[in-house]
C-alpha atoms as a PDB file:
ATOM      1  CA  UNK A   1       0.000   0.000   0.000  1.00  0.00           C
ATOM      2  CA  UNK A   2       2.820   2.387   0.862  1.00  0.00           C
ATOM      3  CA  UNK A   3       4.532   1.606  -2.445  1.00  0.00           C
ATOM      4  CA  UNK A   4       1.319   2.283  -4.385  1.00  0.00           C
ATOM      5  CA  UNK A   5       0.834   5.619  -2.617  1.00  0.00           C
ATOM      6  CA  UNK A   6       4.457   6.564  -3.352  1.00  0.00           C
ATOM      7  CA  UNK A   7       4.043   5.841  -7.051  1.00  0.00           C
ATOM      8  CA  UNK A   8       0.732   7.696  -7.126  1.00  0.00           C
ATOM      9  CA  UNK A   9       2.277  10.695  -5.383  1.00  0.00           C
ATOM     10  CA  UNK A  10       5.242  10.772  -7.792  1.00  0.00           C
ATOM     11  CA  UNK A  11       2.879  10.472 -10.770  1.00  0.00           C
ATOM     12  CA  UNK A  12       0.807  13.417  -9.512  1.00  0.00           C
ATOM     13  CA  UNK A  13       3.963  15.481  -9.008  1.00  0.00           C
ATOM     14  CA  UNK A  14       4.945  14.530 -12.551  1.00  0.00           C
ATOM     15  CA  UNK A  15       1.600  15.764 -13.902  1.00  0.00           C
ATOM     16  CA  UNK A  16       1.989  19.084 -12.087  1.00  0.00           C
ATOM     17  CA  UNK A  17       5.576  19.563 -13.259  1.00  0.00           C
ATOM     18  CA  UNK A  18       4.494  18.536 -16.756  1.00  0.00           C
ATOM     19  CA  UNK A  19       1.961  21.378 -16.675  1.00  0.00           C
ATOM     20  CA  UNK A  20       4.782  23.793 -15.821  1.00  0.00           C
ATOM     21  CA  UNK A  21       6.949  22.328 -18.587  1.00  0.00           C
ATOM     22  CA  UNK A  22       4.161  23.173 -21.026  1.00  0.00           C
ATOM     23  CA  UNK A  23       4.479  26.792 -19.937  1.00  0.00           C
ATOM     24  CA  UNK A  24       8.243  26.638 -20.523  1.00  0.00           C
ATOM     25  CA  UNK A  25       7.833  25.019 -23.949  1.00  0.00           C
ATOM     26  CA  UNK A  26       5.443  27.724 -25.118  1.00  0.00           C
ATOM     27  CA  UNK A  27       6.924  30.823 -23.509  1.00  0.00           C
ATOM     28  CA  UNK A  28      10.710  30.408 -23.537  1.00  0.00           C
ATOM     29  CA  UNK A  29      11.119  30.519 -27.351  1.00  0.00           C
ATOM     30  CA  UNK A  30       8.889  33.611 -27.402  1.00  0.00           C
ATOM     31  CA  UNK A  31      10.916  35.411 -24.746  1.00  0.00           C
ATOM     32  CA  UNK A  32       8.048  35.463 -22.233  1.00  0.00           C
ATOM     33  CA  UNK A  33       8.417  35.007 -18.482  1.00  0.00           C
ATOM     34  CA  UNK A  34       7.487  31.582 -17.124  1.00  0.00           C
ATOM     35  CA  UNK A  35       6.927  32.956 -13.611  1.00  0.00           C
ATOM     36  CA  UNK A  36       5.433  36.446 -13.527  1.00  0.00           C
ATOM     37  CA  UNK A  37       2.757  36.137 -16.235  1.00  0.00           C
ATOM     38  CA  UNK A  38      -0.404  34.241 -15.081  1.00  0.00           C
ATOM     39  CA  UNK A  39      -1.515  31.206 -17.091  1.00  0.00           C
ATOM     40  CA  UNK A  40      -3.814  32.245 -19.914  1.00  0.00           C
ATOM     41  CA  UNK A  41      -5.320  31.070 -23.174  1.00  0.00           C
ATOM     42  CA  UNK A  42      -2.846  31.616 -25.987  1.00  0.00           C
ATOM     43  CA  UNK A  43      -5.719  32.450 -28.316  1.00  0.00           C
ATOM     44  CA  UNK A  44      -7.951  34.941 -26.504  1.00  0.00           C
ATOM     45  CA  UNK A  45      -5.727  35.743 -23.524  1.00  0.00           C
ATOM     46  CA  UNK A  46      -8.339  34.720 -20.929  1.00  0.00           C
ATOM     47  CA  UNK A  47      -6.791  34.080 -17.517  1.00  0.00           C
ATOM     48  CA  UNK A  48      -7.150  30.434 -16.558  1.00  0.00           C
ATOM     49  CA  UNK A  49      -8.904  29.525 -13.315  1.00  0.00           C
ATOM     50  CA  UNK A  50      -8.043  26.707 -10.937  1.00  0.00           C
ATOM     51  CA  UNK A  51     -10.307  24.219 -12.726  1.00  0.00           C
ATOM     52  CA  UNK A  52      -8.614  25.022 -16.043  1.00  0.00           C
ATOM     53  CA  UNK A  53      -5.205  24.166 -14.617  1.00  0.00           C
ATOM     54  CA  UNK A  54      -5.864  20.589 -13.496  1.00  0.00           C
ATOM     55  CA  UNK A  55      -3.407  18.482 -15.539  1.00  0.00           C
ATOM     56  CA  UNK A  56      -4.949  16.125 -18.144  1.00  0.00           C
ATOM     57  CA  UNK A  57      -8.466  16.253 -16.652  1.00  0.00           C
ATOM     58  CA  UNK A  58      -9.067  19.908 -17.552  1.00  0.00           C
ATOM     59  CA  UNK A  59      -8.184  19.103 -21.179  1.00  0.00           C
ATOM     60  CA  UNK A  60     -10.609  16.164 -21.198  1.00  0.00           C
ATOM     61  CA  UNK A  61     -13.421  18.036 -19.450  1.00  0.00           C
ATOM     62  CA  UNK A  62     -13.066  20.991 -21.824  1.00  0.00           C
ATOM     63  CA  UNK A  63     -12.871  18.585 -24.776  1.00  0.00           C
ATOM     64  CA  UNK A  64      -9.667  20.211 -25.916  1.00  0.00           C
ATOM     65  CA  UNK A  65     -11.125  23.695 -26.273  1.00  0.00           C
ATOM     66  CA  UNK A  66     -10.845  27.006 -24.418  1.00  0.00           C
ATOM     67  CA  UNK A  67     -13.896  27.840 -22.304  1.00  0.00           C
ATOM     68  CA  UNK A  68     -13.537  31.492 -23.289  1.00  0.00           C
ATOM     69  CA  UNK A  69     -13.088  31.629 -27.057  1.00  0.00           C
ATOM     70  CA  UNK A  70     -13.753  27.995 -27.931  1.00  0.00           C
ATOM     71  CA  UNK A  71     -10.387  27.782 -29.637  1.00  0.00           C
ATOM     72  CA  UNK A  72      -8.772  24.377 -29.997  1.00  0.00           C
ATOM     73  CA  UNK A  73      -6.102  23.476 -27.426  1.00  0.00           C
ATOM     74  CA  UNK A  74      -3.173  21.465 -28.720  1.00  0.00           C
ATOM     75  CA  UNK A  75      -3.144  17.853 -27.464  1.00  0.00           C
ATOM     76  CA  UNK A  76       0.557  18.395 -26.844  1.00  0.00           C
ATOM     77  CA  UNK A  77      -0.315  19.898 -23.463  1.00  0.00           C
ATOM     78  CA  UNK A  78      -1.897  16.680 -22.255  1.00  0.00           C
ATOM     79  CA  UNK A  79       0.837  14.598 -23.897  1.00  0.00           C
ATOM     80  CA  UNK A  80       3.602  16.478 -22.071  1.00  0.00           C
ATOM     81  CA  UNK A  81       1.840  16.044 -18.723  1.00  0.00           C
ATOM     82  CA  UNK A  82       1.343  12.297 -19.231  1.00  0.00           C
ATOM     83  CA  UNK A  83       4.890  11.867 -20.554  1.00  0.00           C
ATOM     84  CA  UNK A  84       6.365  13.658 -17.545  1.00  0.00           C
ATOM     85  CA  UNK A  85       4.340  11.560 -15.104  1.00  0.00           C
ATOM     86  CA  UNK A  86       5.378   8.399 -16.951  1.00  0.00           C
ATOM     87  CA  UNK A  87       9.074   9.271 -16.863  1.00  0.00           C
ATOM     88  CA  UNK A  88       8.914  10.210 -13.184  1.00  0.00           C
ATOM     89  CA  UNK A  89       7.315   6.899 -12.209  1.00  0.00           C
ATOM     90  CA  UNK A  90       9.723   5.018 -14.468  1.00  0.00           C
ATOM     91  CA  UNK A  91      12.711   6.641 -12.777  1.00  0.00           C
ATOM     92  CA  UNK A  92      11.191   5.843  -9.390  1.00  0.00           C
ATOM     93  CA  UNK A  93      10.915   2.186 -10.403  1.00  0.00           C
ATOM     94  CA  UNK A  94      14.551   2.131 -11.513  1.00  0.00           C
ATOM     95  CA  UNK A  95      16.252   4.187  -8.800  1.00  0.00           C
ATOM     96  CA  UNK A  96      13.808   4.385  -5.880  1.00  0.00           C
ATOM     97  CA  UNK A  97      13.845   7.536  -3.739  1.00  0.00           C
ATOM     98  CA  UNK A  98      17.539   8.405  -4.034  1.00  0.00           C
ATOM     99  CA  UNK A  99      19.876  11.127  -5.355  1.00  0.00           C
ATOM    100  CA  UNK A 100      19.917   9.221  -8.665  1.00  0.00           C
ATOM    101  CA  UNK A 101      16.129   9.527  -8.880  1.00  0.00           C
ATOM    102  CA  UNK A 102      16.161  13.297  -8.376  1.00  0.00           C
ATOM    103  CA  UNK A 103      18.999  13.683 -10.864  1.00  0.00           C
ATOM    104  CA  UNK A 104      17.146  11.556 -13.421  1.00  0.00           C
ATOM    105  CA  UNK A 105      13.797  13.371 -13.092  1.00  0.00           C
ATOM    106  CA  UNK A 106      15.519  16.756 -13.289  1.00  0.00           C
ATOM    107  CA  UNK A 107      17.324  15.747 -16.475  1.00  0.00           C
ATOM    108  CA  UNK A 108      14.150  14.170 -17.885  1.00  0.00           C
ATOM    109  CA  UNK A 109      12.289  17.463 -17.355  1.00  0.00           C
ATOM    110  CA  UNK A 110      15.007  19.377 -19.191  1.00  0.00           C
ATOM    111  CA  UNK A 111      14.937  16.860 -22.047  1.00  0.00           C
ATOM    112  CA  UNK A 112      11.168  17.166 -22.475  1.00  0.00           C
ATOM    113  CA  UNK A 113      11.532  20.931 -22.886  1.00  0.00           C
ATOM    114  CA  UNK A 114      14.438  20.443 -25.311  1.00  0.00           C
ATOM    115  CA  UNK A 115      12.495  17.876 -27.346  1.00  0.00           C
ATOM    116  CA  UNK A 116       9.408  19.977 -27.988  1.00  0.00           C
ATOM    117  CA  UNK A 117      11.089  23.369 -28.388  1.00  0.00           C
ATOM    118  CA  UNK A 118      13.665  22.092 -30.855  1.00  0.00           C
ATOM    119  CA  UNK A 119      11.035  20.080 -32.717  1.00  0.00           C
ATOM    120  CA  UNK A 120       8.823  23.145 -33.189  1.00  0.00           C
ATOM    121  CA  UNK A 121      11.312  26.012 -33.404  1.00  0.00           C
ATOM    122  CA  UNK A 122      14.603  24.353 -34.354  1.00  0.00           C
ATOM    123  CA  UNK A 123      16.456  25.904 -31.402  1.00  0.00           C
ATOM    124  CA  UNK A 124      17.626  24.996 -27.912  1.00  0.00           C
ATOM    125  CA  UNK A 125      17.437  28.264 -25.922  1.00  0.00           C
ATOM    126  CA  UNK A 126      20.430  29.284 -23.813  1.00  0.00           C
ATOM    127  CA  UNK A 127      18.180  29.684 -20.766  1.00  0.00           C
ATOM    128  CA  UNK A 128      17.393  25.953 -20.907  1.00  0.00           C
ATOM    129  CA  UNK A 129      21.087  25.116 -21.212  1.00  0.00           C
ATOM    130  CA  UNK A 130      21.979  27.374 -18.276  1.00  0.00           C
ATOM    131  CA  UNK A 131      19.243  25.853 -16.100  1.00  0.00           C
ATOM    132  CA  UNK A 132      20.473  22.359 -16.949  1.00  0.00           C
ATOM    133  CA  UNK A 133      24.083  23.381 -16.213  1.00  0.00           C
ATOM    134  CA  UNK A 134      23.164  24.825 -12.800  1.00  0.00           C
ATOM    135  CA  UNK A 135      21.334  21.613 -11.931  1.00  0.00           C
ATOM    136  CA  UNK A 136      24.272  19.560 -13.173  1.00  0.00           C
ATOM    137  CA  UNK A 137      26.685  21.496 -10.968  1.00  0.00           C
ATOM    138  CA  UNK A 138      24.416  21.038  -7.944  1.00  0.00           C
ATOM    139  CA  UNK A 139      24.266  17.267  -8.406  1.00  0.00           C
ATOM    140  CA  UNK A 140      28.021  17.222  -9.102  1.00  0.00           C
ATOM    141  CA  UNK A 141      28.659  18.833  -5.712  1.00  0.00           C
ATOM    142  CA  UNK A 142      26.213  16.455  -4.027  1.00  0.00           C
ATOM    143  CA  UNK A 143      28.081  13.493  -5.530  1.00  0.00           C
ATOM    144  CA  UNK A 144      31.097  14.385  -3.373  1.00  0.00           C
ATOM    145  CA  UNK A 145      29.036  13.558  -0.290  1.00  0.00           C
ATOM    146  CA  UNK A 146      26.636  10.938  -1.694  1.00  0.00           C
ATOM    147  CA  UNK A 147      28.151   8.870  -4.549  1.00  0.00           C
ATOM    148  CA  UNK A 148      25.791   8.452  -7.502  1.00  0.00           C
ATOM    149  CA  UNK A 149      25.174   5.103  -9.195  1.00  0.00           C
ATOM    150  CA  UNK A 150      24.484   6.960 -12.439  1.00  0.00           C
ATOM    151  CA  UNK A 151      28.170   7.824 -12.730  1.00  0.00           C
ATOM    152  CA  UNK A 152      29.157   4.200 -12.242  1.00  0.00           C
ATOM    153  CA  UNK A 153      32.120   4.959 -10.000  1.00  0.00           C
ATOM    154  CA  UNK A 154      33.271   7.446  -7.390  1.00  0.00           C
ATOM    155  CA  UNK A 155      35.966   9.264  -9.412  1.00  0.00           C
ATOM    156  CA  UNK A 156      35.341  12.978  -8.988  1.00  0.00           C
ATOM    157  CA  UNK A 157      36.377  13.819 -12.547  1.00  0.00           C
ATOM    158  CA  UNK A 158      33.853  11.458 -14.174  1.00  0.00           C
ATOM    159  CA  UNK A 159      31.109  14.127 -14.604  1.00  0.00           C
ATOM    160  CA  UNK A 160      33.620  16.679 -15.896  1.00  0.00           C
ATOM    161  CA  UNK A 161      34.901  14.215 -18.485  1.00  0.00           C
ATOM    162  CA  UNK A 162      31.297  13.473 -19.434  1.00  0.00           C
ATOM    163  CA  UNK A 163      30.556  17.142 -19.987  1.00  0.00           C
ATOM    164  CA  UNK A 164      33.686  17.742 -22.060  1.00  0.00           C
ATOM    165  CA  UNK A 165      33.442  14.524 -24.087  1.00  0.00           C
ATOM    166  CA  UNK A 166      29.826  14.978 -25.171  1.00  0.00           C
ATOM    167  CA  UNK A 167      29.981  18.602 -26.249  1.00  0.00           C
ATOM    168  CA  UNK A 168      33.547  18.162 -27.507  1.00  0.00           C
ATOM    169  CA  UNK A 169      32.596  15.386 -29.922  1.00  0.00           C
ATOM    170  CA  UNK A 170      29.745  17.394 -31.420  1.00  0.00           C
ATOM    171  CA  UNK A 171      31.943  20.482 -31.626  1.00  0.00           C
ATOM    172  CA  UNK A 172      34.508  18.469 -33.576  1.00  0.00           C
ATOM    173  CA  UNK A 173      31.780  17.141 -35.867  1.00  0.00           C
ATOM    174  CA  UNK A 174      30.564  20.705 -36.423  1.00  0.00           C
ATOM    175  CA  UNK A 175      34.036  22.026 -37.270  1.00  0.00           C
ATOM    176  CA  UNK A 176      34.856  19.182 -39.652  1.00  0.00           C
ATOM    177  CA  UNK A 177      31.394  19.232 -41.212  1.00  0.00           C
ATOM    178  CA  UNK A 178      31.432  22.983 -41.793  1.00  0.00           C
ATOM    179  CA  UNK A 179      34.640  22.590 -43.797  1.00  0.00           C
ATOM    180  CA  UNK A 180      33.240  19.764 -45.884  1.00  0.00           C
ATOM    181  CA  UNK A 181      29.824  21.375 -46.406  1.00  0.00           C
ATOM    182  CA  UNK A 182      30.850  25.010 -46.541  1.00  0.00           C
ATOM    183  CA  UNK A 183      27.383  26.382 -47.225  1.00  0.00           C
ATOM    184  CA  UNK A 184      25.488  24.291 -44.646  1.00  0.00           C
ATOM    185  CA  UNK A 185      25.444  24.215 -40.840  1.00  0.00           C
ATOM    186  CA  UNK A 186      26.122  20.612 -39.839  1.00  0.00           C
ATOM    187  CA  UNK A 187      25.466  20.876 -36.092  1.00  0.00           C
ATOM    188  CA  UNK A 188      23.567  23.559 -34.217  1.00  0.00           C
ATOM    189  CA  UNK A 189      25.189  25.439 -31.354  1.00  0.00           C
ATOM    190  CA  UNK A 190      22.345  24.488 -29.007  1.00  0.00           C
ATOM    191  CA  UNK A 191      22.993  20.782 -29.604  1.00  0.00           C
ATOM    192  CA  UNK A 192      26.647  21.225 -28.675  1.00  0.00           C
ATOM    193  CA  UNK A 193      25.890  23.270 -25.565  1.00  0.00           C
ATOM    194  CA  UNK A 194      23.125  21.056 -24.151  1.00  0.00           C
ATOM    195  CA  UNK A 195      25.444  18.035 -24.116  1.00  0.00           C
ATOM    196  CA  UNK A 196      27.667  19.795 -21.576  1.00  0.00           C
ATOM    197  CA  UNK A 197      25.140  19.670 -18.697  1.00  0.00           C
ATOM    198  CA  UNK A 198      23.882  16.266 -19.858  1.00  0.00           C
ATOM    199  CA  UNK A 199      27.418  14.881 -19.593  1.00  0.00           C
ATOM    200  CA  UNK A 200      27.799  16.563 -16.218  1.00  0.00           C
ATOM    201  CA  UNK A 201      24.738  14.694 -14.983  1.00  0.00           C
ATOM    202  CA  UNK A 202      25.557  11.331 -16.577  1.00  0.00           C
ATOM    203  CA  UNK A 203      29.337  10.906 -16.474  1.00  0.00           C
ATOM    204  CA  UNK A 204      31.420   9.990 -19.503  1.00  0.00           C
ATOM    205  CA  UNK A 205      30.286   6.368 -20.009  1.00  0.00           C
ATOM    206  CA  UNK A 206      26.576   7.110 -20.136  1.00  0.00           C
ATOM    207  CA  UNK A 207      27.305  10.311 -22.075  1.00  0.00           C
ATOM    208  CA  UNK A 208      28.971   8.350 -24.873  1.00  0.00           C
ATOM    209  CA  UNK A 209      26.129   5.814 -24.739  1.00  0.00           C
ATOM    210  CA  UNK A 210      23.592   8.620 -24.940  1.00  0.00           C
ATOM    211  CA  UNK A 211      25.329  10.206 -27.926  1.00  0.00           C
ATOM    212  CA  UNK A 212      25.541   6.861 -29.725  1.00  0.00           C
ATOM    213  CA  UNK A 213      21.829   6.167 -29.154  1.00  0.00           C
ATOM    214  CA  UNK A 214      20.967   9.722 -30.266  1.00  0.00           C
ATOM    215  CA  UNK A 215      22.842   9.309 -33.554  1.00  0.00           C
ATOM    216  CA  UNK A 216      21.368   5.836 -34.070  1.00  0.00           C
ATOM    217  CA  UNK A 217      17.766   6.990 -33.585  1.00  0.00           C
ATOM    218  CA  UNK A 218      18.350  10.102 -35.711  1.00  0.00           C
ATOM    219  CA  UNK A 219      19.729   7.985 -38.545  1.00  0.00           C
ATOM    220  CA  UNK A 220      16.885   5.453 -38.338  1.00  0.00           C
ATOM    221  CA  UNK A 221      14.142   8.102 -38.305  1.00  0.00           C
ATOM    222  CA  UNK A 222      15.802  10.077 -41.111  1.00  0.00           C
ATOM    223  CA  UNK A 223      15.993   6.976 -43.312  1.00  0.00           C
ATOM    224  CA  UNK A 224      12.297   6.272 -42.722  1.00  0.00           C
ATOM    225  CA  UNK A 225      11.348   9.889 -43.512  1.00  0.00           C
ATOM    226  CA  UNK A 226      13.408   9.810 -46.712  1.00  0.00           C
ATOM    227  CA  UNK A 227      11.981   6.434 -47.774  1.00  0.00           C
ATOM    228  CA  UNK A 228       8.433   7.745 -47.371  1.00  0.00           C
ATOM    229  CA  UNK A 229       9.464  10.964 -49.163  1.00  0.00           C
ATOM    230  CA  UNK A 230       8.449  13.119 -46.200  1.00  0.00           C
ATOM    231  CA  UNK A 231      11.821  14.857 -46.463  1.00  0.00           C
ATOM    232  CA  UNK A 232      14.569  14.798 -49.090  1.00  0.00           C
ATOM    233  CA  UNK A 233      18.217  13.941 -48.549  1.00  0.00           C
ATOM    234  CA  UNK A 234      19.239  17.585 -48.283  1.00  0.00           C
ATOM    235  CA  UNK A 235      16.686  18.430 -45.595  1.00  0.00           C
ATOM    236  CA  UNK A 236      17.900  19.310 -42.100  1.00  0.00           C
ATOM    237  CA  UNK A 237      16.351  17.515 -39.144  1.00  0.00           C
ATOM    238  CA  UNK A 238      16.641  19.001 -35.628  1.00  0.00           C
ATOM    239  CA  UNK A 239      18.981  16.860 -33.520  1.00  0.00           C
ATOM    240  CA  UNK A 240      17.692  18.013 -30.124  1.00  0.00           C
ATOM    241  CA  UNK A 241      14.722  15.602 -30.023  1.00  0.00           C
ATOM    242  CA  UNK A 242      17.060  12.696 -30.721  1.00  0.00           C
ATOM    243  CA  UNK A 243      19.432  13.857 -27.985  1.00  0.00           C
ATOM    244  CA  UNK A 244      16.442  13.773 -25.644  1.00  0.00           C
ATOM    245  CA  UNK A 245      15.424  10.266 -26.746  1.00  0.00           C
ATOM    246  CA  UNK A 246      18.981   8.911 -26.618  1.00  0.00           C
ATOM    247  CA  UNK A 247      19.608  10.376 -23.175  1.00  0.00           C
ATOM    248  CA  UNK A 248      16.393   8.969 -21.687  1.00  0.00           C
ATOM    249  CA  UNK A 249      17.320   5.554 -23.102  1.00  0.00           C
ATOM    250  CA  UNK A 250      20.803   5.898 -21.617  1.00  0.00           C
ATOM    251  CA  UNK A 251      19.439   6.819 -18.188  1.00  0.00           C
ATOM    252  CA  UNK A 252      17.064   3.867 -18.266  1.00  0.00           C
ATOM    253  CA  UNK A 253      19.036   1.122 -20.008  1.00  0.00           C
ATOM    254  CA  UNK A 254      22.553   2.528 -20.406  1.00  0.00           C
ATOM    255  CA  UNK A 255      24.439   0.303 -17.982  1.00  0.00           C
ATOM    256  CA  UNK A 256      22.669  -2.835 -19.218  1.00  0.00           C
ATOM    257  CA  UNK A 257      23.585  -1.952 -22.814  1.00  0.00           C
ATOM    258  CA  UNK A 258      27.205  -1.396 -21.836  1.00  0.00           C
ATOM    259  CA  UNK A 259      27.336  -4.734 -20.026  1.00  0.00           C
ATOM    260  CA  UNK A 260      25.898  -6.507 -23.087  1.00  0.00           C
ATOM    261  CA  UNK A 261      28.332  -4.752 -25.439  1.00  0.00           C
ATOM    262  CA  UNK A 262      31.487  -5.335 -23.413  1.00  0.00           C
ATOM    263  CA  UNK A 263      30.315  -8.777 -22.339  1.00  0.00           C
END
């Protein structure tokens, strides 16, 4: 019974945080404050009441429409809330209530914001990178007192090497690619920068695993899109969503994948 209540509580927290992540996803690319401006309809500007802010249920009760103007509300809002709750409970199942759990849910929240902003706008805002870096530094300091199983060992330089290796590899790819394809940007600056805090939170082993899984999923999806003629071979696909997917997979299954590979 206690375990069920714990999972339920974490899921509810995930829904609430997912609602806040929706605010971040919409406002950050537009340069709007995520704190000072009250929640409102993006169509008519009507201030949302308490009943309009209940995660998932308010969307269902309103049938996906604003009670003020009747405008359609994107299902993405409900999707983000459910996804956040799902990731939170998944991390609880894997890590229990521990420093690793809090590190994983923090990083998962950042990755959800990265996924949807980069997918829609093709950017990873610096404010998101800075927030992730501050969180990474906090957990790095905590790891001196409470060793983290995410890092895989207790070497203090592991997170630093993770931060440098991830962003360093993409920076190298960007430099080499820009010389080969002189008229085309190979790798966005946001992709390079976001890997720094991700590596700081994961350590170098999971960082490399995350990058490998990101490239693998990006290649697979791109091939499918080209085969179905949704995009052509010269089209650019944002890499941020694949970084998010690869990192979540690394957090969840990274050590098992490494054991299988080296075994």
